[in-house]
Amino acid sequence: MSRAKAVMVLGTTSGAGKSWLATALCRWYARQGLKVAPFKAQNMSNNARVVQGLQGAMGEIGSAQYFQALAARRTPEVRMNPVLLKPEKDTASQVIVLGEVDTALTEMPWRERSEKLWLRARPALHELMAENDVVVIEGAGSPAEINLHASDYVNMRTALEVQAACLLVTDIDRGGAFAHLYGTHQLLPAHERTLIRGYVLNRFRGDASLLAPGPEQLQALTGVPTVAVLPMWRGHGLPEEDGVFDDGCTGGGGPGVMKIAIIAYPRLSNLDEFQPLRGLPQVRLSWVREPAGLVDADLIILPGSKAVAADLAWLRAQGLDLAVAQHAAAGKRVLGICGGLQMLGESLLDPFGLDGNAPGLGLLPLVTQFEREKLLRPAQLRFSALTAPWGDLSAVQAQGYEIHHGRSAQHPSLAPAQPAVLSDSGEVIGWQAGSVLGCYAHGLFEDPLVMRALFGAATPSLDSVFEGLADYVDQHFAPGVLAGLLDAP
């Protein structure tokens, strides 16, 4: 028997603000003294975090549920996101079930695997319902995609399973918000519409009084009230769940500003780890897809990748390989993280057909071989005595996490790279060659000691971000709505 109340955040579209709002609700309900857990039956994202798995093993879940768990003041674990799909190309995704890769389901056509995945996700939902006071559930995309509705277990099947009180959020900045809300409501079967308790207009700019009589007319048509108008808030500090969060630049220009360029290849992963860079006034951050974007960079970052060989081929096709090599030859800093580290080496070897064979960029004397088993672990790491221009990181201790199939080692015929980063067991997980530094650990920019060493400043803590989110929804939701969602309809 479930004892929790379920509150669910649905969206009219992808990117409407579901993850952001669910995170805010996790902290808001936790501040009421309630035991709260997040849940998303299936997430599709290459942004993942290492968390506690089953039987003492480590697993991975989507970053959004990781942050939601922290907002709920809970330890993240695999039941909170029992199914994670990690896109490897436009027509294929790696399937992670309860934190572990499931090869059989990965190879199965997606329409056929839906019922099997629901059978794996459903018990986790009921376990969380039995252990908590509130479960904050996030939907995916839109619940009213009529071509997918029969096999969609992430939205209304989950909502019906626990009779969740549902909020439907839309991005009013995109336009067409009332049509999106009305159309979504009307495309749902009647028994599913009854779970929708309120509409949320997200990212509104201007005078909210000018929305009238839209909310009133929408309520007359559907019977559902608009319970919140959330003003546009770009600086809330929570990483975006998916996509490159700025095609343009963040930060200012002028003397003393460090220009950081992150190469945005098609299957980049774990981009949420760069969120702290956005909050630094002395940093100008840009996402780059062509060589011109690297011309004046002080630091080039090659981030993680879910398809290293394919993204490396894309990088070469864009001419970015030469631009990165010229940058390094000029003694300017290059940082490769996980897949980016692997690209910087001499070669990629793929004996098991997991990723692909390819020559590397040749900026680190390393050879990477992809292994069958994915390595998942938290990383307690220490930088060794580094040389310029990375000397500020010498002896810094930090925390991060590792998610990768590849294992890298020194090329036997080349001059050795300097071991640059050591795990707590003494294993080398990072190397330096001149101005080029590669490291397997994600999350470096989330560590305050690294931020102080590189930039002389730290960004606000995640906990202060969660508090700000909770304050925001408390201010902008109609009085009594959030508490009222826990009452029986």
Protein backbone atom coordinates (compact mmCIF):
# COMPACT_ATOMS: atom_id res chain seq x y z
CA MET A 1 0.00 0.00 0.00
CA SER A 2 1.40 3.37 -1.00
CA ARG A 3 1.38 6.06 1.66
CA ALA A 4 2.94 8.95 -0.24
CA LYS A 5 1.13 11.62 -2.17
CA ALA A 6 2.30 12.01 -5.74
CA VAL A 7 2.72 15.41 -7.41
CA MET A 8 3.59 15.28 -11.10
CA VAL A 9 4.97 17.91 -13.45
CA LEU A 10 3.90 17.47 -17.07
CA GLY A 11 4.84 19.71 -19.99
CA THR A 12 3.20 20.76 -23.21
CA THR A 13 6.56 20.35 -24.97
CA SER A 14 10.11 19.32 -24.28
CA GLY A 15 11.98 22.20 -22.68
CA ALA A 16 8.86 23.70 -21.11
CA GLY A 17 10.47 23.72 -17.66
CA LYS A 18 9.50 20.37 -16.13
CA SER A 19 12.89 19.54 -14.64
CA TRP A 20 13.35 23.02 -13.19
CA LEU A 21 9.90 23.03 -11.61
CA ALA A 22 10.16 19.47 -10.27
CA THR A 23 13.47 20.38 -8.61
CA ALA A 24 11.90 23.44 -7.00
CA LEU A 25 8.96 21.37 -5.72
CA CYS A 26 11.31 18.79 -4.23
CA ARG A 27 12.92 21.46 -2.06
CA TRP A 28 9.61 23.23 -1.31
CA TYR A 29 7.98 20.06 0.03
CA ALA A 30 11.15 19.05 1.89
CA ARG A 31 11.06 22.44 3.64
CA GLN A 32 7.61 21.54 4.97
CA GLY A 33 9.21 18.74 6.96
CA LEU A 34 8.09 16.02 4.56
CA LYS A 35 10.12 13.07 3.34
CA VAL A 36 10.38 13.63 -0.41
CA ALA A 37 11.76 11.62 -3.31
CA PRO A 38 11.90 12.43 -7.04
CA PHE A 39 10.91 9.99 -9.77
CA LYS A 40 11.06 9.88 -13.55
CA ALA A 41 10.16 6.55 -15.09
CA GLN A 42 12.31 7.12 -18.15
CA ASN A 43 14.72 9.90 -19.00
CA MET A 44 16.44 10.40 -22.33
CA SER A 45 19.66 12.29 -21.80
CA ASN A 46 23.41 12.01 -22.14
CA ASN A 47 23.77 13.98 -18.91
CA ALA A 48 24.15 11.32 -16.22
CA ARG A 49 25.51 11.01 -12.69
CA VAL A 50 27.03 8.13 -10.74
CA VAL A 51 24.80 7.12 -7.82
CA GLN A 52 24.13 4.24 -5.48
CA GLY A 53 22.90 1.22 -7.40
CA LEU A 54 21.53 -2.16 -6.41
CA GLN A 55 23.32 -4.74 -4.25
CA GLY A 56 26.04 -2.25 -3.39
CA ALA A 57 27.06 -1.55 -6.99
CA MET A 58 27.27 1.89 -8.52
CA GLY A 59 24.78 2.92 -11.18
CA GLU A 60 23.82 5.95 -13.23
CA ILE A 61 20.72 8.11 -13.52
CA GLY A 62 19.83 11.27 -15.40
CA SER A 63 21.35 14.43 -13.99
CA ALA A 64 17.91 16.00 -13.53
CA GLN A 65 16.86 13.36 -11.01
CA TYR A 66 20.26 13.57 -9.33
CA PHE A 67 19.72 17.28 -8.66
CA GLN A 68 16.10 16.69 -7.67
CA ALA A 69 17.21 14.17 -5.07
CA LEU A 70 19.69 16.65 -3.61
CA ALA A 71 16.98 19.29 -3.59
CA ALA A 72 14.79 16.85 -1.66
CA ARG A 73 17.69 16.40 0.80
CA ARG A 74 18.02 12.77 -0.18
CA THR A 75 20.86 10.57 -1.40
CA PRO A 76 20.39 10.00 -5.15
CA GLU A 77 19.81 6.37 -6.16
CA VAL A 78 18.82 4.40 -9.22
CA ARG A 79 15.15 3.87 -8.35
CA MET A 80 14.57 7.59 -8.82
CA ASN A 81 15.20 7.20 -12.56
CA PRO A 82 14.83 3.49 -13.27
CA VAL A 83 15.20 3.82 -17.05
CA LEU A 84 17.76 6.08 -18.71
CA LEU A 85 18.16 6.21 -22.48
CA LYS A 86 21.48 7.61 -23.65
CA PRO A 87 21.32 8.57 -27.36
CA GLU A 88 24.26 7.30 -29.38
CA LYS A 89 22.89 8.35 -32.77
CA ASP A 90 19.58 9.60 -34.15
CA THR A 91 18.09 6.11 -34.31
CA ALA A 92 19.70 4.30 -31.38
CA SER A 93 20.12 4.73 -27.63
CA GLN A 94 21.89 2.79 -24.93
CA VAL A 95 19.32 1.52 -22.40
CA ILE A 96 20.21 1.81 -18.72
CA VAL A 97 17.86 -0.05 -16.36
CA LEU A 98 18.18 0.54 -12.63
CA GLY A 99 21.63 1.96 -13.19
CA GLU A 100 23.07 -0.77 -15.43
CA VAL A 101 23.35 -1.19 -19.20
CA ASP A 102 20.81 -3.70 -20.53
CA THR A 103 22.20 -4.98 -23.83
CA ALA A 104 19.13 -7.00 -24.78
CA LEU A 105 16.78 -4.05 -24.38
CA THR A 106 19.24 -1.76 -26.14
CA GLU A 107 19.07 -3.97 -29.22
CA MET A 108 15.26 -4.29 -29.15
CA PRO A 109 13.05 -1.95 -31.30
CA TRP A 110 11.85 0.86 -29.05
CA ARG A 111 8.11 0.25 -29.50
CA GLU A 112 8.54 -3.38 -28.49
CA ARG A 113 10.57 -2.64 -25.38
CA SER A 114 8.18 -0.11 -23.85
CA GLU A 115 6.05 -2.65 -21.94
CA LYS A 116 9.14 -4.46 -20.71
CA LEU A 117 10.61 -1.20 -19.43
CA TRP A 118 7.40 -0.28 -17.60
CA LEU A 119 7.52 -3.61 -15.80
CA ARG A 120 11.01 -2.64 -14.57
CA ALA A 121 10.12 0.96 -13.68
CA ARG A 122 6.77 0.34 -11.96
CA PRO A 123 8.12 -1.48 -8.86
CA ALA A 124 10.60 1.34 -8.21
CA LEU A 125 7.74 3.83 -8.25
CA HIS A 126 5.72 1.85 -5.73
CA GLU A 127 8.72 1.35 -3.47
CA LEU A 128 9.31 5.09 -3.36
CA MET A 129 5.62 5.71 -2.73
CA ALA A 130 5.73 3.30 0.22
CA GLU A 131 8.82 4.92 1.76
CA ASN A 132 8.02 8.62 1.48
CA ASP A 133 5.48 11.31 2.25
CA VAL A 134 5.67 12.93 -1.20
CA VAL A 135 6.99 11.69 -4.53
CA VAL A 136 7.59 14.46 -7.07
CA ILE A 137 7.30 12.93 -10.52
CA GLU A 138 8.58 14.43 -13.74
CA GLY A 139 7.01 13.59 -17.07
CA ALA A 140 8.75 13.54 -20.44
CA GLY A 141 8.08 15.61 -23.54
CA SER A 142 4.32 15.93 -23.89
CA PRO A 143 1.73 13.53 -22.44
CA ALA A 144 -0.53 14.07 -25.46
CA GLU A 145 1.54 12.78 -28.37
CA ILE A 146 -1.22 10.73 -29.95
CA ASN A 147 1.20 8.61 -32.01
CA LEU A 148 3.03 7.56 -28.85
CA HIS A 149 0.25 7.56 -26.26
CA ALA A 150 -0.46 3.82 -26.33
CA SER A 151 3.14 2.94 -25.45
CA ASP A 152 3.99 5.97 -23.28
CA TYR A 153 4.53 4.86 -19.70
CA VAL A 154 6.45 7.95 -18.57
CA ASN A 155 3.52 10.36 -18.46
CA MET A 156 -0.12 9.46 -17.89
CA ARG A 157 0.40 5.75 -17.21
CA THR A 158 2.66 6.74 -14.34
CA ALA A 159 0.20 9.43 -13.24
CA LEU A 160 -2.73 6.99 -13.22
CA GLU A 161 -0.70 4.34 -11.41
CA VAL A 162 -0.42 6.56 -8.31
CA GLN A 163 -3.27 9.01 -8.97
CA ALA A 164 -0.82 11.90 -9.14
CA ALA A 165 -1.95 15.50 -8.83
CA CYS A 166 -0.61 16.91 -12.10
CA LEU A 167 0.61 20.35 -13.06
CA LEU A 168 0.86 21.13 -16.77
CA VAL A 169 3.62 23.63 -17.55
CA THR A 170 4.16 25.53 -20.78
CA ASP A 171 6.85 27.92 -22.02
CA ILE A 172 4.94 31.12 -22.74
CA ASP A 173 8.08 32.79 -24.11
CA ARG A 174 7.81 30.56 -27.18
CA GLY A 175 4.30 31.80 -27.96
CA GLY A 176 1.11 29.80 -28.35
CA ALA A 177 0.93 28.94 -24.66
CA PHE A 178 -2.84 28.87 -24.31
CA ALA A 179 -3.19 26.78 -27.47
CA HIS A 180 -0.55 24.38 -26.16
CA LEU A 181 -2.36 24.00 -22.85
CA TYR A 182 -5.81 23.63 -24.39
CA GLY A 183 -4.63 21.22 -27.09
CA THR A 184 -2.74 19.04 -24.62
CA HIS A 185 -5.74 18.90 -22.29
CA GLN A 186 -8.18 18.05 -25.06
CA LEU A 187 -6.03 15.33 -26.63
CA LEU A 188 -5.89 13.42 -23.35
CA PRO A 189 -8.64 10.86 -22.67
CA ALA A 190 -11.29 12.12 -20.24
CA HIS A 191 -10.17 9.91 -17.36
CA GLU A 192 -6.63 11.30 -17.66
CA ARG A 193 -7.73 14.95 -17.82
CA THR A 194 -9.19 14.64 -14.33
CA LEU A 195 -5.65 14.39 -12.92
CA ILE A 196 -4.66 17.84 -14.22
CA ARG A 197 -4.97 20.18 -11.24
CA GLY A 198 -3.41 23.35 -12.59
CA TYR A 199 -1.66 25.12 -15.44
CA VAL A 200 1.71 26.86 -15.05
CA LEU A 201 2.86 29.60 -17.42
CA ASN A 202 6.65 29.54 -17.37
CA ARG A 203 9.19 32.12 -18.56
CA PHE A 204 6.78 35.04 -18.76
CA ARG A 205 8.11 38.51 -19.53
CA GLY A 206 6.12 41.62 -18.83
CA ASP A 207 2.99 42.60 -16.93
CA ALA A 208 1.04 39.50 -15.87
CA SER A 209 -2.20 41.48 -15.79
CA LEU A 210 -2.05 41.61 -19.59
CA LEU A 211 -2.68 37.86 -19.71
CA ALA A 212 -6.34 38.45 -18.85
CA PRO A 213 -8.80 37.18 -19.89
CA GLY A 214 -6.77 34.24 -21.23
CA PRO A 215 -6.48 32.21 -18.00
CA GLU A 216 -10.14 32.74 -17.19
CA GLN A 217 -11.23 31.69 -20.68
CA LEU A 218 -8.99 28.64 -20.55
CA GLN A 219 -10.48 27.61 -17.22
CA ALA A 220 -13.98 28.03 -18.64
CA LEU A 221 -13.05 25.74 -21.54
CA THR A 222 -11.25 23.04 -19.56
CA GLY A 223 -12.20 23.45 -15.91
CA VAL A 224 -8.54 23.77 -14.92
CA PRO A 225 -7.19 26.96 -13.30
CA THR A 226 -3.89 28.67 -14.04
CA VAL A 227 -2.14 28.37 -10.68
CA ALA A 228 1.16 30.14 -11.39
CA VAL A 229 2.78 32.63 -13.73
CA LEU A 230 6.55 32.26 -13.39
CA PRO A 231 8.58 35.22 -14.66
CA MET A 232 11.59 34.62 -16.88
CA TRP A 233 14.56 33.80 -14.65
CA ARG A 234 17.78 32.99 -16.45
CA GLY A 235 20.13 33.13 -13.47
CA HIS A 236 18.57 30.53 -11.18
CA GLY A 237 21.78 28.47 -11.24
CA LEU A 238 20.34 25.04 -12.03
CA PRO A 239 21.89 23.30 -15.05
CA GLU A 240 19.68 22.79 -18.06
CA GLU A 241 18.76 19.14 -18.50
CA ASP A 242 19.44 18.77 -22.20
CA GLY A 243 20.94 20.61 -25.12
CA VAL A 244 23.60 23.28 -25.23
CA PHE A 245 22.22 25.91 -22.91
CA ASP A 246 23.59 28.87 -24.86
CA ASP A 247 24.34 29.02 -28.55
CA GLY A 248 25.64 32.52 -27.91
CA CYS A 249 28.08 33.62 -25.24
CA THR A 250 27.63 34.16 -21.54
CA GLY A 251 29.62 36.66 -19.55
CA GLY A 252 31.17 39.90 -20.65
CA GLY A 253 34.27 40.98 -22.48
CA GLY A 254 37.07 43.38 -21.77
CA PRO A 255 40.42 43.20 -20.00
CA GLY A 256 40.98 40.36 -17.58
CA VAL A 257 38.11 38.21 -18.87
CA MET A 258 38.99 34.59 -19.59
CA LYS A 259 37.46 33.33 -22.83
CA ILE A 260 36.48 29.68 -22.57
CA ALA A 261 35.28 27.80 -25.65
CA ILE A 262 33.57 24.42 -25.26
CA ILE A 263 33.38 22.35 -28.44
CA ALA A 264 29.73 21.35 -28.93
CA TYR A 265 29.91 18.15 -30.93
CA PRO A 266 26.64 16.35 -31.71
CA ARG A 267 26.76 13.75 -28.91
CA LEU A 268 28.43 15.75 -26.16
CA SER A 269 27.56 14.49 -22.70
CA ASN A 270 27.50 15.74 -19.11
CA LEU A 271 27.35 19.36 -20.23
CA ASP A 272 25.58 20.22 -16.96
CA GLU A 273 29.00 20.12 -15.25
CA PHE A 274 29.86 23.44 -16.90
CA GLN A 275 26.98 25.34 -15.29
CA PRO A 276 29.27 26.88 -12.61
CA LEU A 277 31.28 28.65 -15.33
CA ARG A 278 28.20 30.60 -16.36
CA GLY A 279 28.05 32.38 -13.03
CA LEU A 280 31.58 33.80 -13.10
CA PRO A 281 31.78 37.46 -14.16
CA GLN A 282 35.42 37.03 -15.18
CA VAL A 283 34.57 34.26 -17.66
CA ARG A 284 33.15 34.52 -21.17
CA LEU A 285 31.75 31.12 -22.05
CA SER A 286 30.86 30.05 -25.58
CA TRP A 287 29.80 26.83 -27.30
CA VAL A 288 31.69 26.34 -30.54
CA ARG A 289 30.91 24.38 -33.70
CA GLU A 290 33.34 25.97 -36.15
CA PRO A 291 37.00 27.06 -36.09
CA ALA A 292 36.24 30.79 -36.03
CA GLY A 293 34.86 30.36 -32.50
CA LEU A 294 38.27 29.25 -31.20
CA VAL A 295 40.35 32.12 -32.57
CA ASP A 296 40.50 34.26 -29.43
CA ALA A 297 39.90 31.54 -26.82
CA ASP A 298 42.12 31.34 -23.75
CA LEU A 299 40.95 27.83 -22.90
CA ILE A 300 39.43 25.20 -25.18
CA ILE A 301 37.46 22.37 -23.56
CA LEU A 302 36.70 19.08 -25.26
CA PRO A 303 33.81 17.74 -23.13
CA GLY A 304 32.53 14.22 -22.68
CA SER A 305 30.91 12.36 -25.57
CA LYS A 306 28.49 9.44 -25.87
CA ALA A 307 29.93 8.59 -29.31
CA VAL A 308 33.62 9.45 -29.18
CA ALA A 309 34.71 8.19 -32.60
CA ALA A 310 31.71 9.74 -34.36
CA ASP A 311 32.12 13.08 -32.58
CA LEU A 312 35.84 13.03 -33.39
CA ALA A 313 35.00 12.50 -37.07
CA TRP A 314 32.58 15.44 -36.88
CA LEU A 315 35.25 17.58 -35.22
CA ARG A 316 37.64 16.83 -38.10
CA ALA A 317 34.98 17.51 -40.72
CA GLN A 318 34.44 20.95 -39.21
CA GLY A 319 38.17 21.73 -39.32
CA LEU A 320 38.24 22.03 -35.54
CA ASP A 321 41.10 19.53 -35.22
CA LEU A 322 43.57 21.93 -36.81
CA ALA A 323 42.28 24.85 -34.77
CA VAL A 324 42.74 22.89 -31.52
CA ALA A 325 46.25 21.80 -32.56
CA GLN A 326 47.25 25.38 -33.40
CA HIS A 327 45.87 26.58 -30.08
CA ALA A 328 47.95 23.99 -28.21
CA ALA A 329 51.06 24.73 -30.29
CA ALA A 330 50.78 28.35 -29.21
CA GLY A 331 51.03 27.24 -25.57
CA LYS A 332 47.38 28.00 -24.83
CA ARG A 333 45.37 25.72 -22.61
CA VAL A 334 43.38 22.73 -23.85
CA LEU A 335 41.35 20.56 -21.46
CA GLY A 336 39.83 17.21 -22.39
CA ILE A 337 37.31 15.59 -20.07
CA CYS A 338 36.54 11.86 -20.40
CA GLY A 339 35.64 11.44 -24.09
CA GLY A 340 37.49 14.68 -24.76
CA LEU A 341 40.59 13.19 -23.13
CA GLN A 342 40.27 10.12 -25.35
CA MET A 343 40.07 12.32 -28.48
CA LEU A 344 43.28 14.10 -27.48
CA GLY A 345 45.24 10.84 -27.52
CA GLU A 346 46.93 8.99 -30.37
CA SER A 347 44.27 6.42 -31.17
CA LEU A 348 40.95 4.83 -30.24
CA LEU A 349 40.77 1.01 -30.31
CA ASP A 350 37.39 -0.72 -30.28
CA PRO A 351 37.78 -4.53 -30.29
CA PHE A 352 34.18 -5.09 -29.13
CA GLY A 353 32.41 -2.78 -31.57
CA LEU A 354 31.16 -0.39 -28.90
CA ASP A 355 32.20 3.00 -30.27
CA GLY A 356 34.57 2.82 -33.23
CA ASN A 357 38.25 2.82 -34.14
CA ALA A 358 39.85 6.13 -35.01
CA PRO A 359 43.12 8.07 -34.96
CA GLY A 360 43.19 10.65 -32.21
CA LEU A 361 44.30 14.27 -32.32
CA GLY A 362 47.80 13.31 -31.16
CA LEU A 363 48.08 15.94 -28.44
CA LEU A 364 48.51 13.42 -25.62
CA PRO A 365 50.66 10.26 -26.01
CA LEU A 366 47.84 7.93 -25.00
CA VAL A 367 46.03 4.95 -26.50
CA THR A 368 42.41 4.31 -25.50
CA GLN A 369 40.72 0.92 -25.75
CA PHE A 370 36.97 0.58 -25.25
CA GLU A 371 36.05 -2.25 -22.89
CA ARG A 372 32.77 -4.13 -22.61
CA GLU A 373 32.13 -3.08 -19.02
CA LYS A 374 31.38 0.55 -18.29
CA LEU A 375 33.35 2.05 -15.41
CA LEU A 376 31.10 3.90 -12.94
CA ARG A 377 32.55 5.37 -9.78
CA PRO A 378 32.76 8.51 -7.70
CA ALA A 379 36.20 10.10 -7.94
CA GLN A 380 38.21 11.41 -5.03
CA LEU A 381 41.14 12.89 -6.86
CA ARG A 382 44.34 14.85 -6.39
CA PHE A 383 46.27 16.89 -8.93
CA SER A 384 50.00 16.23 -8.97
CA ALA A 385 52.70 18.90 -9.36
CA LEU A 386 51.67 20.37 -12.70
CA THR A 387 53.67 22.67 -14.93
CA ALA A 388 52.55 25.92 -16.57
CA PRO A 389 49.97 26.83 -17.67
CA TRP A 390 48.18 24.40 -15.30
CA GLY A 391 50.36 25.01 -12.26
CA ASP A 392 47.57 26.59 -10.20
CA LEU A 393 45.95 23.16 -9.89
CA SER A 394 49.04 21.54 -8.33
CA ALA A 395 48.20 19.52 -5.21
CA VAL A 396 44.51 20.50 -5.32
CA GLN A 397 42.20 17.78 -4.02
CA ALA A 398 38.74 17.53 -5.54
CA GLN A 399 35.68 15.36 -6.02
CA GLY A 400 34.10 14.21 -9.25
CA TYR A 401 32.75 11.09 -10.95
CA GLU A 402 33.69 8.73 -13.79
CA ILE A 403 31.44 7.21 -16.48
CA HIS A 404 33.28 5.60 -19.40
CA HIS A 405 33.95 2.44 -21.41
CA GLY A 406 37.40 3.55 -22.52
CA ARG A 407 40.64 2.85 -20.66
CA SER A 408 43.65 5.00 -21.56
CA ALA A 409 47.33 4.19 -21.20
CA GLN A 410 50.66 5.65 -22.23
CA HIS A 411 51.66 4.94 -25.85
CA PRO A 412 54.76 2.71 -25.56
CA SER A 413 56.65 4.36 -28.45
CA LEU A 414 56.14 8.00 -27.48
CA ALA A 415 57.64 10.27 -24.88
CA PRO A 416 55.58 9.86 -21.70
CA ALA A 417 52.97 12.32 -20.60
CA GLN A 418 53.13 13.64 -17.07
CA PRO A 419 50.69 11.94 -14.67
CA ALA A 420 48.48 14.86 -13.70
CA VAL A 421 45.50 13.50 -11.77
CA LEU A 422 45.48 10.60 -9.32
CA SER A 423 42.50 8.81 -7.80
CA ASP A 424 42.39 8.11 -4.07
CA SER A 425 43.78 4.63 -4.83
CA GLY A 426 46.76 6.15 -6.67
CA GLU A 427 45.54 5.27 -10.17
CA VAL A 428 46.42 7.80 -12.85
CA ILE A 429 43.20 9.23 -14.35
CA GLY A 430 44.67 12.37 -15.94
CA TRP A 431 47.73 13.40 -17.93
CA GLN A 432 49.49 16.61 -18.99
CA ALA A 433 51.64 17.33 -22.04
CA GLY A 434 52.63 20.99 -22.21
CA SER A 435 49.50 23.13 -22.30
CA VAL A 436 47.23 20.10 -22.87
CA LEU A 437 45.54 18.45 -19.89
CA GLY A 438 43.21 15.45 -20.00
CA CYS A 439 41.21 13.99 -17.12
CA TYR A 440 38.66 11.18 -16.80
CA ALA A 441 36.83 12.81 -13.89
CA HIS A 442 33.69 14.79 -14.60
CA GLY A 443 32.51 17.50 -12.22
CA LEU A 444 35.77 19.41 -11.75
CA PHE A 445 34.10 22.80 -12.15
CA GLU A 446 31.57 21.86 -9.47
CA ASP A 447 34.34 21.58 -6.89
CA PRO A 448 35.00 24.86 -5.02
CA LEU A 449 38.71 24.12 -4.60
CA VAL A 450 39.18 23.75 -8.36
CA MET A 451 37.19 26.92 -9.00
CA ARG A 452 39.30 28.90 -6.54
CA ALA A 453 42.53 27.56 -8.01
CA LEU A 454 41.58 28.41 -11.59
CA PHE A 455 39.47 31.55 -11.15
CA GLY A 456 40.05 32.80 -7.62
CA ALA A 457 36.35 32.46 -6.83
CA ALA A 458 33.66 29.90 -6.15
CA THR A 459 30.08 29.88 -7.35
CA PRO A 460 27.00 29.61 -5.10
CA SER A 461 26.47 26.22 -3.53
CA LEU A 462 23.87 23.87 -4.95
CA ASP A 463 21.96 24.06 -1.70
CA SER A 464 21.60 27.83 -2.04
CA VAL A 465 20.36 27.28 -5.61
CA PHE A 466 17.69 24.86 -4.36
CA GLU A 467 16.63 27.31 -1.68
CA GLY A 468 16.27 30.02 -4.29
CA LEU A 469 14.10 27.77 -6.46
CA ALA A 470 11.83 26.94 -3.53
CA ASP A 471 11.52 30.63 -2.62
CA TYR A 472 10.61 31.39 -6.22
CA VAL A 473 7.73 28.95 -6.48
CA ASP A 474 6.54 29.94 -3.02
CA GLN A 475 6.34 33.53 -4.23
CA HIS A 476 4.67 32.92 -7.59
CA PHE A 477 2.22 30.07 -7.04
CA ALA A 478 -1.24 31.03 -5.86
CA PRO A 479 -1.49 30.71 -2.05
CA GLY A 480 -2.33 27.22 -0.85
CA VAL A 481 -1.91 25.54 -4.25
CA LEU A 482 1.23 23.53 -3.50
CA ALA A 483 -0.05 22.27 -0.18
CA GLY A 484 -3.43 21.62 -1.75
CA LEU A 485 -1.92 19.26 -4.30
CA LEU A 486 -1.39 16.80 -1.46
CA ASP A 487 -5.10 16.74 -0.70
CA ALA A 488 -7.37 14.23 -2.37
CA PRO A 489 -9.08 15.80 -5.43
